Structures are given as C-alpha cells and as structure tokens.
Amino acid sequence: MPQGMVITGTFTADKPGKIAGTIHGDVFVTGKVTILKEAVIRGDIQASEVTVYGKVTGDIKCTSKTVLESGAHVRGNISTVEIHVEKDAILEGIINKAGGAITSDDDIEASSSRGNLTIATSYKKQSLTDENANPESWF
C-alpha cells in the first residue's frame, strides 16, 4: 500500500507486503507485513510476522516474530513468540510472549518519565532497499 493512500475500515491481505500509507482500522495479513516509516496504523495488526518502522496505535498479534525498528512508535500491547526492539524504538504497552516469560541478557532500559520501554538487542538488520524497489512487494 503506497504512501499517501488512506484506508478507513478493515484491511485484509492474503499475501505478505508493505504498508506506507494510513489505515484507520484493523490489519489482517497472511504472512509478513512491514509497516514502513511513513505509515500510520490506527487499529490492531494480526500477521505471522510484523516489522514496524512507522507508527501503530493498536495491539499487535503475531504468531512468529515482531520487530520494532529504530524510530518505530507503537502504542498498544504486543503478543508474539519472538520480539526484537531496536534502540530508539518506542513501545507504550505490554509484551506478552507466547510460550513463556520474556527473558533477555540484553540491556533493558525503562524511561520512567514517559513510561516507554526500550530494549537494545543484537538483532541483525536486513537491508530493505532492494525489496522496497520491487513494486510487487507492495499491497
């Protein structure tokens, strides 16, 4: 879904893809969904894998891995099997890790002034440059 497009209502996709626009409603994706830095989602997201660079106001339910990249801002709870939160990503909510409690040897820093949680991990970033250039990867 390209930048500048606005959807009001439920967004459903039966294939993986990227969102750069604005959605006022819930998002249901089969496979992986990437919320690019230009994107604004005001609703819940459900997918097998979720990567967030942009802004999400709503809960994320993920059956595999959730990644909050640097600059991401999520205001809502996350339910996932695996989570990676990069430095400068903001999460205002609770993480429910499916399969047990969250354990980490990584540095965890809580910002008491804003109630944000920042987790610095050793997650290796993958470049999305080539993938972004392919319009077939967009919804």
C-alpha atoms as a PDB file:
ATOM      1  CA  MET A   1       0.000   0.000   0.000  1.00  0.00           C
ATOM      2  CA  PRO A   2       1.794   3.149  -1.144  1.00  0.00           C
ATOM      3  CA  GLN A   3       2.425   6.340   0.794  1.00  0.00           C
ATOM      4  CA  GLY A   4      -0.427   8.853   0.513  1.00  0.00           C
ATOM      5  CA  MET A   5      -3.175   6.226   0.321  1.00  0.00           C
ATOM      6  CA  VAL A   6      -5.708   6.280   3.192  1.00  0.00           C
ATOM      7  CA  ILE A   7      -7.976   3.360   4.066  1.00  0.00           C
ATOM      8  CA  THR A   8     -10.813   3.574   6.575  1.00  0.00           C
ATOM      9  CA  GLY A   9     -12.026   0.126   7.605  1.00  0.00           C
ATOM     10  CA  THR A  10     -10.577  -3.352   7.860  1.00  0.00           C
ATOM     11  CA  PHE A  11      -7.555  -4.103   5.660  1.00  0.00           C
ATOM     12  CA  THR A  12      -7.079  -7.783   4.723  1.00  0.00           C
ATOM     13  CA  ALA A  13      -4.334  -9.262   2.542  1.00  0.00           C
ATOM     14  CA  ASP A  14      -3.722 -12.908   1.710  1.00  0.00           C
ATOM     15  CA  LYS A  15      -0.053 -12.351   0.879  1.00  0.00           C
ATOM     16  CA  PRO A  16       2.935 -10.634   2.556  1.00  0.00           C
ATOM     17  CA  GLY A  17       3.642  -6.979   1.800  1.00  0.00           C
ATOM     18  CA  LYS A  18       4.419  -3.453   2.937  1.00  0.00           C
ATOM     19  CA  ILE A  19       2.297  -0.559   4.114  1.00  0.00           C
ATOM     20  CA  ALA A  20       3.437   3.058   3.682  1.00  0.00           C
ATOM     21  CA  GLY A  21       0.026   4.733   3.820  1.00  0.00           C
ATOM     22  CA  THR A  22      -2.532   5.366   6.574  1.00  0.00           C
ATOM     23  CA  ILE A  23      -5.062   2.816   7.804  1.00  0.00           C
ATOM     24  CA  HIS A  24      -7.879   3.655  10.217  1.00  0.00           C
ATOM     25  CA  GLY A  25      -8.953   0.104  11.001  1.00  0.00           C
ATOM     26  CA  ASP A  26      -7.629  -3.355  11.752  1.00  0.00           C
ATOM     27  CA  VAL A  27      -4.992  -5.031   9.567  1.00  0.00           C
ATOM     28  CA  PHE A  28      -5.041  -8.790   8.873  1.00  0.00           C
ATOM     29  CA  VAL A  29      -2.195 -10.211   6.768  1.00  0.00           C
ATOM     30  CA  THR A  30      -1.283 -13.777   5.873  1.00  0.00           C
ATOM     31  CA  GLY A  31       2.494 -13.876   6.234  1.00  0.00           C
ATOM     32  CA  LYS A  32       4.790 -10.953   6.949  1.00  0.00           C
ATOM     33  CA  VAL A  33       3.731  -7.315   6.997  1.00  0.00           C
ATOM     34  CA  THR A  34       6.159  -4.401   7.126  1.00  0.00           C
ATOM     35  CA  ILE A  35       4.899  -1.054   8.411  1.00  0.00           C
ATOM     36  CA  LEU A  36       7.240   1.463   6.756  1.00  0.00           C
ATOM     37  CA  LYS A  37       8.340   4.711   8.431  1.00  0.00           C
ATOM     38  CA  GLU A  38       5.766   6.803   6.533  1.00  0.00           C
ATOM     39  CA  ALA A  39       2.889   4.566   7.642  1.00  0.00           C
ATOM     40  CA  VAL A  40       0.309   5.315  10.335  1.00  0.00           C
ATOM     41  CA  ILE A  41      -1.898   2.483  11.559  1.00  0.00           C
ATOM     42  CA  ARG A  42      -4.784   3.206  13.946  1.00  0.00           C
ATOM     43  CA  GLY A  43      -6.056  -0.280  14.623  1.00  0.00           C
ATOM     44  CA  ASP A  44      -4.920  -3.755  15.583  1.00  0.00           C
ATOM     45  CA  ILE A  45      -2.487  -5.757  13.438  1.00  0.00           C
ATOM     46  CA  GLN A  46      -2.575  -9.531  13.076  1.00  0.00           C
ATOM     47  CA  ALA A  47       0.041 -11.378  10.992  1.00  0.00           C
ATOM     48  CA  SER A  48       2.569 -14.179  11.226  1.00  0.00           C
ATOM     49  CA  GLU A  49       5.474 -11.690  11.237  1.00  0.00           C
ATOM     50  CA  VAL A  50       5.379  -7.917  11.823  1.00  0.00           C
ATOM     51  CA  THR A  51       8.162  -5.371  11.307  1.00  0.00           C
ATOM     52  CA  VAL A  52       7.426  -1.777  12.305  1.00  0.00           C
ATOM     53  CA  TYR A  53       9.342   1.321  11.212  1.00  0.00           C
ATOM     54  CA  GLY A  54       6.348   3.701  11.457  1.00  0.00           C
ATOM     55  CA  LYS A  55       3.537   4.463  13.909  1.00  0.00           C
ATOM     56  CA  VAL A  56       0.983   1.986  15.236  1.00  0.00           C
ATOM     57  CA  THR A  57      -1.791   2.797  17.691  1.00  0.00           C
ATOM     58  CA  GLY A  58      -3.329  -0.581  18.464  1.00  0.00           C
ATOM     59  CA  ASP A  59      -2.413  -4.087  19.525  1.00  0.00           C
ATOM     60  CA  ILE A  60      -0.123  -6.375  17.529  1.00  0.00           C
ATOM     61  CA  LYS A  61      -0.814 -10.124  17.497  1.00  0.00           C
ATOM     62  CA  CYS A  62       1.936 -12.082  15.818  1.00  0.00           C
ATOM     63  CA  THR A  63       2.356 -15.864  15.506  1.00  0.00           C
ATOM     64  CA  SER A  64       6.097 -15.676  14.828  1.00  0.00           C
ATOM     65  CA  LYS A  65       8.385 -12.627  15.160  1.00  0.00           C
ATOM     66  CA  THR A  66       7.772  -8.940  15.856  1.00  0.00           C
ATOM     67  CA  VAL A  67      10.488  -6.358  15.155  1.00  0.00           C
ATOM     68  CA  LEU A  68      10.341  -2.705  16.213  1.00  0.00           C
ATOM     69  CA  GLU A  69      13.000  -0.881  14.235  1.00  0.00           C
ATOM     70  CA  SER A  70      14.702   2.347  15.284  1.00  0.00           C
ATOM     71  CA  GLY A  71      12.182   5.189  15.043  1.00  0.00           C
ATOM     72  CA  ALA A  72       9.128   2.915  15.372  1.00  0.00           C
ATOM     73  CA  HIS A  73       6.387   4.043  17.781  1.00  0.00           C
ATOM     74  CA  VAL A  74       3.840   1.513  18.993  1.00  0.00           C
ATOM     75  CA  ARG A  75       1.110   2.468  21.436  1.00  0.00           C
ATOM     76  CA  GLY A  76      -0.527  -0.849  22.266  1.00  0.00           C
ATOM     77  CA  ASN A  77       0.155  -4.341  23.517  1.00  0.00           C
ATOM     78  CA  ILE A  78       2.187  -6.917  21.609  1.00  0.00           C
ATOM     79  CA  SER A  79       1.553 -10.662  21.700  1.00  0.00           C
ATOM     80  CA  THR A  80       4.302 -12.596  19.915  1.00  0.00           C
ATOM     81  CA  VAL A  81       6.596 -15.628  20.053  1.00  0.00           C
ATOM     82  CA  GLU A  82       9.790 -13.611  19.456  1.00  0.00           C
ATOM     83  CA  ILE A  83      10.434  -9.867  19.730  1.00  0.00           C
ATOM     84  CA  HIS A  84      13.304  -7.598  18.759  1.00  0.00           C
ATOM     85  CA  VAL A  85      13.259  -3.938  19.730  1.00  0.00           C
ATOM     86  CA  GLU A  86      15.935  -1.689  18.276  1.00  0.00           C
ATOM     87  CA  LYS A  87      17.430   1.319  20.034  1.00  0.00           C
ATOM     88  CA  ASP A  88      15.216   4.432  19.727  1.00  0.00           C
ATOM     89  CA  ALA A  89      12.058   2.381  19.096  1.00  0.00           C
ATOM     90  CA  ILE A  90       9.215   3.321  21.444  1.00  0.00           C
ATOM     91  CA  LEU A  91       6.719   0.860  22.881  1.00  0.00           C
ATOM     92  CA  GLU A  92       3.934   2.114  25.120  1.00  0.00           C
ATOM     93  CA  GLY A  93       2.284  -1.135  26.130  1.00  0.00           C
ATOM     94  CA  ILE A  94       2.768  -4.647  27.413  1.00  0.00           C
ATOM     95  CA  ILE A  95       4.619  -7.503  25.726  1.00  0.00           C
ATOM     96  CA  ASN A  96       3.016 -10.937  26.048  1.00  0.00           C
ATOM     97  CA  LYS A  97       5.467 -13.539  24.854  1.00  0.00           C
ATOM     98  CA  ALA A  98       3.708 -16.698  23.712  1.00  0.00           C
ATOM     99  CA  GLY A  99       5.348 -19.795  25.144  1.00  0.00           C
ATOM    100  CA  GLY A 100       6.640 -18.277  28.375  1.00  0.00           C
ATOM    101  CA  ALA A 101       8.045 -15.268  30.131  1.00  0.00           C
ATOM    102  CA  ILE A 102      10.322 -12.765  28.456  1.00  0.00           C
ATOM    103  CA  THR A 103      13.953 -13.404  29.272  1.00  0.00           C
ATOM    104  CA  SER A 104      16.877 -11.476  27.887  1.00  0.00           C
ATOM    105  CA  ASP A 105      20.551 -10.938  28.543  1.00  0.00           C
ATOM    106  CA  ASP A 106      20.269  -7.665  26.657  1.00  0.00           C
ATOM    107  CA  ASP A 107      20.155  -4.249  28.258  1.00  0.00           C
ATOM    108  CA  ILE A 108      16.663  -3.183  29.252  1.00  0.00           C
ATOM    109  CA  GLU A 109      16.078   0.461  29.985  1.00  0.00           C
ATOM    110  CA  ALA A 110      12.754   1.901  31.111  1.00  0.00           C
ATOM    111  CA  SER A 111      12.070   5.564  30.693  1.00  0.00           C
ATOM    112  CA  SER A 112      10.035   6.487  33.763  1.00  0.00           C
ATOM    113  CA  SER A 113       9.324   9.993  32.540  1.00  0.00           C
ATOM    114  CA  ARG A 114       7.222   8.752  29.593  1.00  0.00           C
ATOM    115  CA  GLY A 115       6.566   5.147  30.565  1.00  0.00           C
ATOM    116  CA  ASN A 116       8.312   3.860  27.431  1.00  0.00           C
ATOM    117  CA  LEU A 117      10.269   0.640  27.237  1.00  0.00           C
ATOM    118  CA  THR A 118      13.436   0.416  25.185  1.00  0.00           C
ATOM    119  CA  ILE A 119      15.164  -2.925  24.648  1.00  0.00           C
ATOM    120  CA  ALA A 120      18.579  -2.933  22.995  1.00  0.00           C
ATOM    121  CA  THR A 121      19.100  -6.244  21.204  1.00  0.00           C
ATOM    122  CA  SER A 122      21.663  -7.852  18.988  1.00  0.00           C
ATOM    123  CA  TYR A 123      19.132  -8.275  16.164  1.00  0.00           C
ATOM    124  CA  LYS A 124      20.869  -8.003  12.784  1.00  0.00           C
ATOM    125  CA  LYS A 125      19.102  -5.608  10.431  1.00  0.00           C
ATOM    126  CA  GLN A 126      18.479  -6.626   6.859  1.00  0.00           C
ATOM    127  CA  SER A 127      18.522  -4.013   4.153  1.00  0.00           C
ATOM    128  CA  LEU A 128      15.105  -3.437   2.607  1.00  0.00           C
ATOM    129  CA  THR A 129      16.452  -1.312  -0.244  1.00  0.00           C
ATOM    130  CA  ASP A 130      16.184  -3.973  -2.952  1.00  0.00           C
ATOM    131  CA  GLU A 131      12.864  -5.291  -1.608  1.00  0.00           C
ATOM    132  CA  ASN A 132      11.377  -1.748  -1.471  1.00  0.00           C
ATOM    133  CA  ALA A 133      12.320  -1.160  -5.089  1.00  0.00           C
ATOM    134  CA  ASN A 134      10.128  -4.078  -6.180  1.00  0.00           C
ATOM    135  CA  PRO A 135       6.519  -2.823  -6.528  1.00  0.00           C
ATOM    136  CA  GLU A 136       5.264  -6.429  -6.392  1.00  0.00           C
ATOM    137  CA  SER A 137       6.121  -6.471  -2.671  1.00  0.00           C
ATOM    138  CA  TRP A 138       3.587  -3.692  -2.000  1.00  0.00           C
ATOM    139  CA  PHE A 139      -0.058  -4.432  -1.235  1.00  0.00           C
END
